[in-house]
Amino acid sequence: MEESKGSVSLERDVFDKGLCTSCGACVGLCPYIQVVKDKVAVIEHCRISEGQCYDFCPRTHTDIQDPNERVFAEERKDFFHLI
């Protein structure tokens, strides 16, 4: 299971690369991220390396196996993998 990432990683991996779609998912989770001039921005780093903002962003990598392991406590084998 990969360690969670916070606002610093979100800014580096999404905002700085121009991938943010301004959906607002992170804004509702973090008081340090707000909409500024119609763009979502980190206004202050929260210094929490495992914030939920990164996990909820639809523009970051989703590890589908992680929720399966959290729910079922093991790797699921009852669904097919896309190649």
C-alpha atoms as a PDB file:
ATOM      1  CA  MET A   1       0.000   0.000   0.000  1.00  0.00           C
ATOM      2  CA  GLU A   2       1.447   3.367  -1.028  1.00  0.00           C
ATOM      3  CA  GLU A   3       1.769   6.105   1.597  1.00  0.00           C
ATOM      4  CA  SER A   4      -0.779   8.919   1.267  1.00  0.00           C
ATOM      5  CA  LYS A   5       0.279  12.275  -0.136  1.00  0.00           C
ATOM      6  CA  GLY A   6      -0.785  15.791   0.850  1.00  0.00           C
ATOM      7  CA  SER A   7      -1.026  19.307  -0.556  1.00  0.00           C
ATOM      8  CA  VAL A   8       2.673  19.584  -1.437  1.00  0.00           C
ATOM      9  CA  SER A   9       2.399  16.515  -3.671  1.00  0.00           C
ATOM     10  CA  LEU A  10      -0.932  17.709  -5.079  1.00  0.00           C
ATOM     11  CA  GLU A  11       0.592  21.035  -6.052  1.00  0.00           C
ATOM     12  CA  ARG A  12       3.639  19.359  -7.648  1.00  0.00           C
ATOM     13  CA  ASP A  13       1.814  16.506  -9.422  1.00  0.00           C
ATOM     14  CA  VAL A  14      -1.367  18.281 -10.513  1.00  0.00           C
ATOM     15  CA  PHE A  15      -1.348  22.094 -10.216  1.00  0.00           C
ATOM     16  CA  ASP A  16       2.202  22.713 -11.464  1.00  0.00           C
ATOM     17  CA  LYS A  17       1.626  20.393 -14.445  1.00  0.00           C
ATOM     18  CA  GLY A  18      -1.580  22.152 -15.477  1.00  0.00           C
ATOM     19  CA  LEU A  19      -3.697  19.040 -14.891  1.00  0.00           C
ATOM     20  CA  CYS A  20      -6.207  20.572 -12.446  1.00  0.00           C
ATOM     21  CA  THR A  21      -9.756  20.813 -13.823  1.00  0.00           C
ATOM     22  CA  SER A  22     -10.974  22.971 -10.907  1.00  0.00           C
ATOM     23  CA  CYS A  23     -13.501  20.334  -9.862  1.00  0.00           C
ATOM     24  CA  GLY A  24     -13.202  21.464  -6.232  1.00  0.00           C
ATOM     25  CA  ALA A  25     -12.837  18.037  -4.628  1.00  0.00           C
ATOM     26  CA  CYS A  26      -9.745  19.154  -2.711  1.00  0.00           C
ATOM     27  CA  VAL A  27     -11.263  22.546  -1.804  1.00  0.00           C
ATOM     28  CA  GLY A  28     -14.021  20.880   0.194  1.00  0.00           C
ATOM     29  CA  LEU A  29     -11.490  18.787   2.116  1.00  0.00           C
ATOM     30  CA  CYS A  30      -8.775  21.282   2.969  1.00  0.00           C
ATOM     31  CA  PRO A  31      -8.935  24.831   4.363  1.00  0.00           C
ATOM     32  CA  TYR A  32      -5.499  25.494   2.830  1.00  0.00           C
ATOM     33  CA  ILE A  33      -6.722  24.989  -0.735  1.00  0.00           C
ATOM     34  CA  GLN A  34      -9.116  27.550  -2.216  1.00  0.00           C
ATOM     35  CA  VAL A  35     -10.420  28.857  -5.509  1.00  0.00           C
ATOM     36  CA  VAL A  36      -8.454  31.960  -6.517  1.00  0.00           C
ATOM     37  CA  LYS A  37      -9.407  33.783  -9.721  1.00  0.00           C
ATOM     38  CA  ASP A  38     -11.332  30.746 -11.021  1.00  0.00           C
ATOM     39  CA  LYS A  39      -8.403  28.386 -10.364  1.00  0.00           C
ATOM     40  CA  VAL A  40      -7.814  26.010  -7.492  1.00  0.00           C
ATOM     41  CA  ALA A  41      -4.635  26.844  -5.587  1.00  0.00           C
ATOM     42  CA  VAL A  42      -2.774  25.873  -2.446  1.00  0.00           C
ATOM     43  CA  ILE A  43      -2.833  29.122  -0.456  1.00  0.00           C
ATOM     44  CA  GLU A  44      -0.740  27.714   2.389  1.00  0.00           C
ATOM     45  CA  HIS A  45       0.957  24.358   2.832  1.00  0.00           C
ATOM     46  CA  CYS A  46      -0.602  22.429   5.684  1.00  0.00           C
ATOM     47  CA  ARG A  47       2.549  20.404   6.410  1.00  0.00           C
ATOM     48  CA  ILE A  48       0.448  17.256   6.589  1.00  0.00           C
ATOM     49  CA  SER A  49       2.128  14.741   4.317  1.00  0.00           C
ATOM     50  CA  GLU A  50      -0.869  12.397   4.356  1.00  0.00           C
ATOM     51  CA  GLY A  51      -3.770  14.736   3.625  1.00  0.00           C
ATOM     52  CA  GLN A  52      -6.893  13.529   1.840  1.00  0.00           C
ATOM     53  CA  CYS A  53      -6.746  16.195  -0.874  1.00  0.00           C
ATOM     54  CA  TYR A  54      -4.363  14.116  -3.000  1.00  0.00           C
ATOM     55  CA  ASP A  55      -6.374  10.914  -2.622  1.00  0.00           C
ATOM     56  CA  PHE A  56      -9.643  12.576  -3.663  1.00  0.00           C
ATOM     57  CA  CYS A  57      -8.237  14.411  -6.691  1.00  0.00           C
ATOM     58  CA  PRO A  58      -9.483  12.755  -9.892  1.00  0.00           C
ATOM     59  CA  ARG A  59      -6.293  13.825 -11.705  1.00  0.00           C
ATOM     60  CA  THR A  60      -3.953  11.719  -9.550  1.00  0.00           C
ATOM     61  CA  HIS A  61      -3.159   8.038  -9.921  1.00  0.00           C
ATOM     62  CA  THR A  62      -5.776   5.700  -8.502  1.00  0.00           C
ATOM     63  CA  ASP A  63      -4.472   2.431  -7.141  1.00  0.00           C
ATOM     64  CA  ILE A  64      -7.565   0.225  -7.448  1.00  0.00           C
ATOM     65  CA  GLN A  65      -5.913  -2.546  -5.482  1.00  0.00           C
ATOM     66  CA  ASP A  66      -5.525  -0.334  -2.388  1.00  0.00           C
ATOM     67  CA  PRO A  67      -9.269  -0.028  -1.612  1.00  0.00           C
ATOM     68  CA  ASN A  68      -9.691  -3.733  -2.354  1.00  0.00           C
ATOM     69  CA  GLU A  69      -7.036  -4.592   0.214  1.00  0.00           C
ATOM     70  CA  ARG A  70      -8.575  -2.204   2.758  1.00  0.00           C
ATOM     71  CA  VAL A  71     -12.053  -3.709   2.345  1.00  0.00           C
ATOM     72  CA  PHE A  72     -11.242  -7.378   1.774  1.00  0.00           C
ATOM     73  CA  ALA A  73      -7.853  -7.530   3.579  1.00  0.00           C
ATOM     74  CA  GLU A  74      -6.401  -9.318   0.564  1.00  0.00           C
ATOM     75  CA  GLU A  75      -5.984  -8.993  -3.183  1.00  0.00           C
ATOM     76  CA  ARG A  76      -9.247  -9.551  -5.045  1.00  0.00           C
ATOM     77  CA  LYS A  77      -9.182 -12.048  -7.865  1.00  0.00           C
ATOM     78  CA  ASP A  78     -12.847 -11.957  -8.902  1.00  0.00           C
ATOM     79  CA  PHE A  79     -12.540  -9.158 -11.451  1.00  0.00           C
ATOM     80  CA  PHE A  80     -10.610  -8.913 -14.675  1.00  0.00           C
ATOM     81  CA  HIS A  81      -7.663  -6.569 -15.166  1.00  0.00           C
ATOM     82  CA  LEU A  82      -7.536  -4.168 -18.077  1.00  0.00           C
ATOM     83  CA  ILE A  83      -4.294  -4.408 -20.003  1.00  0.00           C
END
